[in-house]
Amino acid sequence: MNSMGTFDPHLPCRVHDGLNDQIIEWNHQWASMYREHSSKWDEGIISWDGLLLDGWAPIVPSYPCGH
């Protein structure tokens, strides 16, 4: 997972919620709410909408292998 310091809420990705230990598929439509209401909880952890986000990973498109 990548650091939340490099997180761009406009890009398709998955985020990890450390509070509930779950992976959430990020919806880029949440970007404006994230920018307005997120706050630093601790080093590398962002508090937002009842979640403690501690990492993110890009969604990599999968392509059929052609077999």
C-alpha atoms as a PDB file:
ATOM      1  CA  MET A   1       0.000   0.000   0.000  1.00  0.00           C
ATOM      2  CA  ASN A   2       1.077   3.542  -0.685  1.00  0.00           C
ATOM      3  CA  SER A   3       1.269   6.299   1.890  1.00  0.00           C
ATOM      4  CA  MET A   4      -1.786   8.504   2.331  1.00  0.00           C
ATOM      5  CA  GLY A   5       0.612  11.418   1.833  1.00  0.00           C
ATOM      6  CA  THR A   6       0.632  10.519  -1.881  1.00  0.00           C
ATOM      7  CA  PHE A   7      -3.118   9.864  -2.134  1.00  0.00           C
ATOM      8  CA  ASP A   8      -5.008  11.620  -4.958  1.00  0.00           C
ATOM      9  CA  PRO A   9      -8.759  11.318  -4.276  1.00  0.00           C
ATOM     10  CA  HIS A  10      -9.529  11.912  -7.957  1.00  0.00           C
ATOM     11  CA  LEU A  11      -7.892   8.646  -9.098  1.00  0.00           C
ATOM     12  CA  PRO A  12      -9.458   5.173  -9.084  1.00  0.00           C
ATOM     13  CA  CYS A  13      -7.970   3.170  -6.243  1.00  0.00           C
ATOM     14  CA  ARG A  14      -8.611   1.136  -3.136  1.00  0.00           C
ATOM     15  CA  VAL A  15      -8.024   2.519   0.346  1.00  0.00           C
ATOM     16  CA  HIS A  16      -7.383   0.644   3.567  1.00  0.00           C
ATOM     17  CA  ASP A  17      -9.446   1.553   6.617  1.00  0.00           C
ATOM     18  CA  GLY A  18      -7.282   0.630   9.603  1.00  0.00           C
ATOM     19  CA  LEU A  19     -10.131   1.134  12.066  1.00  0.00           C
ATOM     20  CA  ASN A  20     -12.233  -1.677  10.585  1.00  0.00           C
ATOM     21  CA  ASP A  21      -9.346  -3.487   8.803  1.00  0.00           C
ATOM     22  CA  GLN A  22     -11.093  -3.405   5.452  1.00  0.00           C
ATOM     23  CA  ILE A  23     -10.291  -2.456   1.880  1.00  0.00           C
ATOM     24  CA  ILE A  24     -12.714  -0.008   0.263  1.00  0.00           C
ATOM     25  CA  GLU A  25     -12.956   0.736  -3.438  1.00  0.00           C
ATOM     26  CA  TRP A  26     -12.594   4.506  -3.633  1.00  0.00           C
ATOM     27  CA  ASN A  27     -15.208   6.494  -5.535  1.00  0.00           C
ATOM     28  CA  HIS A  28     -13.652   9.586  -7.153  1.00  0.00           C
ATOM     29  CA  GLN A  29     -16.975  11.382  -6.574  1.00  0.00           C
ATOM     30  CA  TRP A  30     -16.004  11.544  -2.889  1.00  0.00           C
ATOM     31  CA  ALA A  31     -12.954  13.710  -3.732  1.00  0.00           C
ATOM     32  CA  SER A  32     -14.475  17.087  -2.833  1.00  0.00           C
ATOM     33  CA  MET A  33     -15.866  15.759   0.469  1.00  0.00           C
ATOM     34  CA  TYR A  34     -12.483  14.171   1.219  1.00  0.00           C
ATOM     35  CA  ARG A  35     -10.614  17.422   0.562  1.00  0.00           C
ATOM     36  CA  GLU A  36     -13.056  19.382   2.704  1.00  0.00           C
ATOM     37  CA  HIS A  37     -13.474  17.031   5.669  1.00  0.00           C
ATOM     38  CA  SER A  38     -10.351  14.864   5.978  1.00  0.00           C
ATOM     39  CA  SER A  39      -7.801  15.506   8.688  1.00  0.00           C
ATOM     40  CA  LYS A  40      -4.498  14.046   9.780  1.00  0.00           C
ATOM     41  CA  TRP A  41      -5.113  11.558  12.607  1.00  0.00           C
ATOM     42  CA  ASP A  42      -1.539  10.379  13.097  1.00  0.00           C
ATOM     43  CA  GLU A  43       1.583   9.955  11.000  1.00  0.00           C
ATOM     44  CA  GLY A  44       0.399   8.388   7.731  1.00  0.00           C
ATOM     45  CA  ILE A  45      -3.222   8.097   8.877  1.00  0.00           C
ATOM     46  CA  ILE A  46      -6.102  10.246   7.637  1.00  0.00           C
ATOM     47  CA  SER A  47      -9.415  10.498   9.465  1.00  0.00           C
ATOM     48  CA  TRP A  48     -12.349  10.843   7.096  1.00  0.00           C
ATOM     49  CA  ASP A  49     -16.050   9.985   7.360  1.00  0.00           C
ATOM     50  CA  GLY A  50     -15.619   7.705  10.375  1.00  0.00           C
ATOM     51  CA  LEU A  51     -12.684   5.865   8.789  1.00  0.00           C
ATOM     52  CA  LEU A  52      -8.962   5.847   9.545  1.00  0.00           C
ATOM     53  CA  LEU A  53      -7.320   5.584   6.148  1.00  0.00           C
ATOM     54  CA  ASP A  54      -3.757   4.318   6.355  1.00  0.00           C
ATOM     55  CA  GLY A  55      -2.889   3.352   2.783  1.00  0.00           C
ATOM     56  CA  TRP A  56      -4.046   3.178  -0.798  1.00  0.00           C
ATOM     57  CA  ALA A  57      -3.338   1.145  -3.921  1.00  0.00           C
ATOM     58  CA  PRO A  58      -4.160   1.942  -7.546  1.00  0.00           C
ATOM     59  CA  ILE A  59      -6.712  -0.157  -9.372  1.00  0.00           C
ATOM     60  CA  VAL A  60      -4.844  -1.845 -12.177  1.00  0.00           C
ATOM     61  CA  PRO A  61      -7.026  -2.784 -15.125  1.00  0.00           C
ATOM     62  CA  SER A  62      -6.927  -6.445 -16.016  1.00  0.00           C
ATOM     63  CA  TYR A  63      -6.779  -7.599 -19.590  1.00  0.00           C
ATOM     64  CA  PRO A  64      -7.688 -11.038 -20.914  1.00  0.00           C
ATOM     65  CA  CYS A  65      -4.583 -13.097 -21.557  1.00  0.00           C
ATOM     66  CA  GLY A  66      -5.814 -14.155 -25.001  1.00  0.00           C
ATOM     67  CA  HIS A  67      -5.786 -17.912 -24.339  1.00  0.00           C
END
